[in-house]
Structure formats: C-alpha cells, structure tokens
Protein backbone atom coordinates (compact mmCIF):
# COMPACT_ATOMS: atom_id res chain seq x y z
CA UNK A 1 5.24 12.63 -2.50
CA UNK A 2 4.14 9.70 -3.92
CA UNK A 3 0.58 8.00 -4.38
CA UNK A 4 -0.90 5.71 -6.99
CA UNK A 5 -1.05 8.49 -9.47
CA UNK A 6 -2.81 6.58 -12.01
CA UNK A 7 -5.79 5.94 -10.18
CA UNK A 8 -6.58 9.72 -10.83
CA UNK A 9 -6.39 9.21 -14.66
CA UNK A 10 -8.32 5.80 -15.03
CA UNK A 11 -11.71 6.04 -16.69
CA UNK A 12 -11.10 9.09 -18.55
CA UNK A 13 -10.91 11.24 -15.16
CA UNK A 14 -10.41 14.95 -16.01
CA UNK A 15 -6.82 16.01 -14.76
CA UNK A 16 -7.81 19.54 -13.70
CA UNK A 17 -8.34 18.80 -10.15
CA UNK A 18 -5.29 16.67 -9.94
CA UNK A 19 -3.44 19.54 -11.41
CA UNK A 20 -5.18 21.92 -8.96
CA UNK A 21 -4.56 20.12 -5.77
CA UNK A 22 -1.00 19.04 -6.69
CA UNK A 23 -0.15 22.86 -7.03
CA UNK A 24 -1.92 23.48 -3.91
CA UNK A 25 0.12 21.02 -2.11
CA UNK A 26 3.53 21.59 -3.48
CA UNK A 27 2.71 25.39 -2.81
CA UNK A 28 1.87 24.57 0.99
CA UNK A 29 4.77 22.49 1.36
CA UNK A 30 6.96 25.01 -0.37
CA UNK A 31 5.74 27.71 2.41
CA UNK A 32 6.92 25.60 5.28
CA UNK A 33 10.22 25.06 3.51
CA UNK A 34 9.86 21.17 3.25
CA UNK A 35 12.02 19.70 0.65
CA UNK A 36 9.73 17.98 -1.89
CA UNK A 37 10.66 14.80 -4.18
CA UNK A 38 7.65 14.21 -6.40
CA UNK A 39 7.60 10.51 -7.56
CA UNK A 40 6.03 9.96 -10.92
CA UNK A 41 4.42 6.62 -11.36
CA UNK A 42 6.26 3.52 -12.17
CA UNK A 43 4.72 0.77 -14.74
CA UNK A 44 1.22 -0.25 -13.58
CA UNK A 45 0.95 -3.97 -14.25
CA UNK A 46 -1.97 -5.72 -15.83
CA UNK A 47 -2.34 -8.02 -13.10
CA UNK A 48 -1.03 -8.80 -9.71
CA UNK A 49 2.45 -10.20 -10.37
CA UNK A 50 3.04 -12.70 -7.51
CA UNK A 51 -0.14 -14.71 -8.41
CA UNK A 52 0.74 -14.40 -12.39
CA UNK A 53 4.27 -15.56 -11.68
CA UNK A 54 2.93 -18.94 -10.00
CA UNK A 55 0.87 -19.84 -12.95
CA UNK A 56 2.91 -18.62 -15.79
CA UNK A 57 6.55 -18.10 -16.97
CA UNK A 58 7.93 -14.52 -15.84
CA UNK A 59 8.01 -13.28 -19.36
CA UNK A 60 4.28 -13.56 -19.72
CA UNK A 61 3.74 -11.26 -16.62
CA UNK A 62 5.84 -8.45 -18.21
CA UNK A 63 4.03 -5.40 -19.46
CA UNK A 64 5.04 -3.68 -22.84
CA UNK A 65 6.79 -0.28 -22.20
CA UNK A 66 4.59 1.24 -24.84
CA UNK A 67 1.31 0.49 -23.18
CA UNK A 68 3.04 1.41 -19.69
CA UNK A 69 4.28 4.74 -21.29
CA UNK A 70 0.94 5.32 -22.93
CA UNK A 71 -0.91 4.63 -19.41
CA UNK A 72 0.80 7.41 -17.56
CA UNK A 73 1.68 10.15 -20.16
CA UNK A 74 -0.97 12.53 -19.55
CA UNK A 75 -0.31 12.20 -15.62
CA UNK A 76 3.54 12.60 -15.94
CA UNK A 77 3.01 15.79 -18.12
CA UNK A 78 0.99 17.21 -15.33
CA UNK A 79 3.43 16.35 -12.60
CA UNK A 80 6.39 17.97 -14.91
CA UNK A 81 4.33 21.06 -15.02
CA UNK A 82 3.64 21.20 -11.43
CA UNK A 83 7.48 20.51 -10.57
CA UNK A 84 8.53 23.03 -13.03
CA UNK A 85 6.31 25.60 -11.60
CA UNK A 86 7.71 25.24 -7.63
CA UNK A 87 11.22 25.96 -7.31
CA UNK A 88 13.12 23.12 -5.33
CA UNK A 89 10.75 20.53 -6.12
CA UNK A 90 12.45 17.35 -7.64
CA UNK A 91 10.92 15.15 -9.92
CA UNK A 92 11.78 11.64 -9.43
CA UNK A 93 11.00 8.87 -12.16
CA UNK A 94 11.75 5.22 -11.51
CA UNK A 95 10.58 4.27 -14.64
CA UNK A 96 13.93 3.67 -16.42
CA UNK A 97 15.17 1.62 -13.55
CA UNK A 98 12.07 -0.70 -14.02
CA UNK A 99 11.82 -1.01 -17.72
CA UNK A 100 14.33 -1.66 -20.72
CA UNK A 101 13.55 -0.52 -24.16
CA UNK A 102 10.69 -3.03 -24.87
CA UNK A 103 9.26 -4.25 -21.41
CA UNK A 104 8.72 -3.62 -17.91
CA UNK A 105 9.66 -6.60 -16.33
CA UNK A 106 7.75 -8.20 -13.56
CA UNK A 107 10.71 -10.23 -12.29
CA UNK A 108 14.82 -9.34 -12.79
CA UNK A 109 17.50 -11.34 -11.47
CA UNK A 110 15.43 -13.76 -9.62
CA UNK A 111 13.79 -10.92 -7.52
CA UNK A 112 9.76 -9.76 -8.05
CA UNK A 113 9.84 -6.31 -8.66
CA UNK A 114 5.95 -5.60 -7.82
C-alpha cells in the first residue's frame, strides 16, 4: 500500500480519519489473505526537483533530514501502529535509502531521485 501519505497531514489535518481508514483497509486485506506491504512516505522535497536542478546546483535542491523527519513523524507513528495491530503487515520505510545523516539528496551518483 503506497500513497502520498503526507497529503493527509498537511494543514494540521486530524489523523483520526486516516488511522481508522487505514485500519479498515488493512483488516479487509487481511481477511482476503492478501499480503500487505505498507510503505511509509519518503522525503517530500520542498520543490519539484527537475526544475530546481536546471536552475541551481544539486546540493541546493536537497532537503534537510531533520525537516523531512519532522514532516512525516506523526504519520509514520500512525502507520507503525496500524502495521503492528495487523499480523502479517510488513512496514517498508524507504527513508534510510534516500537520506544520509544530514540530508535527503535530490540527486545521487548523477541520477535524479525525485
């Protein structure tokens, strides 16, 4: 299960509806015996990366890891809770592969990541 999860948390949106909907979806999939991989959000870059890279050096398009973690914290907590409550749900977090200790890079090894 993957979505632009951060869209549910922008503007101070209450997470109760997401929590309930996610629990119901996971329960329904579980009843069907469908294996579920629930993907947490990766970093949500501040601007569209390709146009940024055309105008600026690559490092200027990066996102501070601390900001990316802050932006997704409440949502990841909800997702961890939902995954823990349903046997067989595997939580997948792409974050570590996309960010180092300080930054979430827009580009790595000559490849645009977003």
